[in-house]
Protein backbone atom coordinates (compact mmCIF):
# COMPACT_ATOMS: atom_id res chain seq x y z
CA MET A 1 -26.42 -11.11 -22.00
CA LYS A 2 -29.02 -11.40 -19.25
CA GLY A 3 -27.74 -13.75 -16.60
CA GLU A 4 -24.17 -13.71 -17.92
CA ILE A 5 -22.98 -10.53 -16.22
CA GLN A 6 -22.63 -10.95 -12.48
CA PRO A 7 -24.41 -8.44 -10.22
CA ASP A 8 -22.64 -5.49 -8.57
CA HIS A 9 -20.71 -4.41 -11.67
CA MET A 10 -18.06 -1.70 -11.75
CA PRO A 11 -19.39 1.38 -13.54
CA VAL A 12 -16.97 3.53 -15.51
CA ASN A 13 -17.88 6.57 -13.40
CA LYS A 14 -16.90 5.11 -10.02
CA TYR A 15 -13.12 5.38 -9.71
CA LEU A 16 -10.45 7.19 -7.76
CA PHE A 17 -7.08 8.28 -9.19
CA GLN A 18 -4.57 9.27 -6.52
CA ILE A 19 -1.16 10.82 -7.10
CA VAL A 20 1.28 10.32 -4.21
CA GLY A 21 2.67 13.67 -3.05
CA LEU A 22 -0.02 15.85 -4.69
CA ILE A 23 -3.28 17.22 -3.37
CA PRO A 24 -6.33 15.21 -4.52
CA ILE A 25 -6.95 15.84 -8.22
CA THR A 26 -10.48 15.65 -9.64
CA ALA A 27 -9.90 13.61 -12.80
CA THR A 28 -13.35 13.75 -14.42
CA GLU A 29 -12.23 11.51 -17.26
CA ILE A 30 -9.30 9.14 -17.76
CA SER A 31 -8.58 7.50 -21.09
CA GLY A 32 -8.03 3.76 -21.27
CA ILE A 33 -4.63 2.77 -19.90
CA GLU A 34 -3.01 0.18 -22.15
CA ASP A 35 -0.49 -2.37 -20.93
CA GLU A 36 1.28 -4.22 -23.72
CA LEU A 37 4.36 -6.28 -24.38
CA ASP A 38 7.22 -5.36 -26.65
CA THR A 39 7.02 -7.68 -29.62
CA THR A 40 9.11 -8.42 -32.66
CA GLU A 41 8.09 -9.65 -36.08
CA LEU A 42 9.98 -12.77 -37.11
CA PRO A 43 11.10 -13.59 -40.69
CA ASP A 44 8.22 -16.08 -41.03
CA ARG A 45 5.78 -13.14 -40.36
CA THR A 46 4.80 -14.42 -36.92
CA VAL A 47 5.17 -12.30 -33.82
CA ALA A 48 7.16 -13.16 -30.69
CA SER A 49 7.19 -11.55 -27.28
CA GLY A 50 10.21 -9.43 -26.42
CA GLY A 51 9.55 -10.28 -22.77
CA ASN A 52 9.24 -6.70 -21.51
CA ARG A 53 6.22 -4.47 -21.11
CA ARG A 54 6.17 -1.00 -22.64
CA ALA A 55 5.73 2.29 -20.88
CA THR A 56 2.21 3.63 -21.41
CA GLU A 57 0.50 6.94 -22.04
CA PHE A 58 -2.98 8.09 -21.06
CA THR A 59 -4.89 11.33 -20.69
CA MET A 60 -6.90 12.76 -17.85
CA MET A 61 -9.30 15.70 -17.77
CA VAL A 62 -9.26 18.17 -14.85
CA PRO A 63 -11.79 21.03 -14.53
CA MET A 64 -10.12 24.30 -15.47
CA HIS A 65 -11.74 26.22 -12.59
CA HIS A 66 -10.23 23.90 -9.93
CA GLY A 67 -7.45 26.40 -9.23
CA ALA A 68 -5.47 24.54 -6.56
CA GLU A 69 -5.55 21.31 -8.57
CA GLN A 70 -4.45 23.05 -11.77
CA ALA A 71 -1.65 24.78 -9.83
CA ALA A 72 -0.51 21.40 -8.46
CA MET A 73 -0.53 19.89 -11.96
CA GLU A 74 1.38 22.90 -13.36
CA ALA A 75 4.00 22.59 -10.60
CA TRP A 76 4.37 18.88 -11.36
CA PHE A 77 4.64 19.66 -15.08
CA LEU A 78 7.45 22.14 -14.28
CA GLU A 79 9.25 19.42 -12.29
CA SER A 80 9.33 17.39 -15.52
CA GLN A 81 11.07 20.17 -17.46
CA ASP A 82 14.72 21.26 -17.60
CA PRO A 83 16.22 21.15 -15.05
CA VAL A 84 14.30 17.92 -14.40
CA SER A 85 13.63 17.32 -10.71
CA PRO A 86 14.71 13.93 -9.30
CA THR A 87 11.15 13.57 -7.94
CA TYR A 88 9.27 14.31 -11.18
CA LYS A 89 8.11 10.67 -11.52
CA LYS A 90 5.45 9.88 -8.95
CA PRO A 91 3.59 6.71 -7.98
CA CYS A 92 -0.18 6.69 -8.44
CA THR A 93 -3.06 4.37 -7.67
CA LEU A 94 -6.22 3.76 -9.65
CA THR A 95 -9.16 2.20 -7.85
CA HIS A 96 -12.32 0.97 -9.61
CA THR A 97 -15.25 0.42 -7.25
CA SER A 98 -18.42 -1.64 -7.73
CA ILE A 99 -21.95 -0.22 -7.46
CA SER A 100 -22.29 -1.38 -3.84
CA GLY A 101 -18.75 -0.35 -2.92
CA ASN A 102 -18.04 -3.88 -1.69
CA VAL A 103 -15.76 -4.88 -4.58
CA SER A 104 -12.78 -2.98 -5.95
CA ARG A 105 -9.95 -3.45 -8.41
CA ASN A 106 -6.75 -1.58 -7.65
CA TYR A 107 -3.79 -0.78 -9.85
CA SER A 108 -0.43 0.73 -9.01
CA LEU A 109 1.13 3.01 -11.62
CA SER A 110 4.82 3.77 -11.24
CA GLY A 111 6.97 6.39 -12.89
CA VAL A 112 4.04 8.69 -13.70
CA PHE A 113 4.56 12.27 -14.89
CA PRO A 114 2.69 14.82 -17.00
CA LYS A 115 4.26 15.03 -20.45
CA GLY A 116 1.82 17.49 -21.97
CA ARG A 117 -1.10 19.83 -21.42
CA ASN A 118 -3.95 20.55 -23.86
CA LEU A 119 -6.15 23.55 -23.20
CA PRO A 120 -9.83 23.25 -24.21
CA ASP A 121 -11.33 24.44 -27.47
CA LEU A 122 -13.20 27.70 -26.91
CA GLU A 123 -16.36 28.93 -28.60
CA LYS A 124 -18.49 32.01 -27.81
CA LEU A 125 -21.67 30.31 -29.11
CA ASN A 126 -21.28 27.38 -26.70
CA GLU A 127 -24.00 26.97 -24.06
CA GLY A 128 -21.47 26.99 -21.24
CA GLU A 129 -20.03 23.48 -21.07
CA LEU A 130 -17.41 22.74 -18.42
CA ALA A 131 -13.92 23.83 -19.55
CA GLN A 132 -11.33 21.18 -18.73
CA VAL A 133 -7.59 20.84 -19.19
CA GLU A 134 -6.44 17.59 -20.75
CA TRP A 135 -3.22 16.33 -19.18
CA VAL A 136 -1.17 13.82 -21.17
CA MET A 137 0.44 11.43 -18.72
CA SER A 138 3.25 8.89 -19.05
CA ALA A 139 3.64 5.82 -16.83
CA ASP A 140 6.53 3.36 -16.70
CA ASP A 141 4.48 0.47 -15.36
CA ILE A 142 0.97 -0.55 -14.28
CA LEU A 143 0.46 -3.48 -11.94
CA PRO A 144 -2.71 -4.94 -10.44
CA LEU A 145 -2.67 -4.94 -6.64
C-alpha cells in the first residue's frame, strides 16, 4: 500500500453534517450512507437497472447531554409525525475534510427527516461511557457537489 495512497487523506473523524434550518448538531458518529439504483431481476437471472436511485437511510449519534441539540432533534421528529408539517423534510450537507483542510468532498442530501430515535442501553456497572441518542434518518437523495 505504501506509495499507492496519495498524501493528505480524509480521515473518518473529520466531517461536518449540517441541517438547514436547525441549530448545529454534534453528530459524533454517522453510519455509511448508501446510494443505490433500483434494479430488477430478469427471467435469465441477470439484473438490469430500473434507472432510478432509491431513498436511503442512515443513523447518527448525538450526545444525550447536549440539551439544545436534542430538543431541536425532538422538535424535528415531531414535525414528521401526524399532523405532518410541510417543512418536515430538510436539506442537509455532509462535508469530508482532508488532514490539512485543503481538500474536501461535499454532498447534498435532500428530503432528510428523522424517522426514529433509539435511546442508549443503560448499565449501572458501566464505567461512565458517553450516553448518546441514535437518530434514524431518511433521505430522498444524495448528490456530490
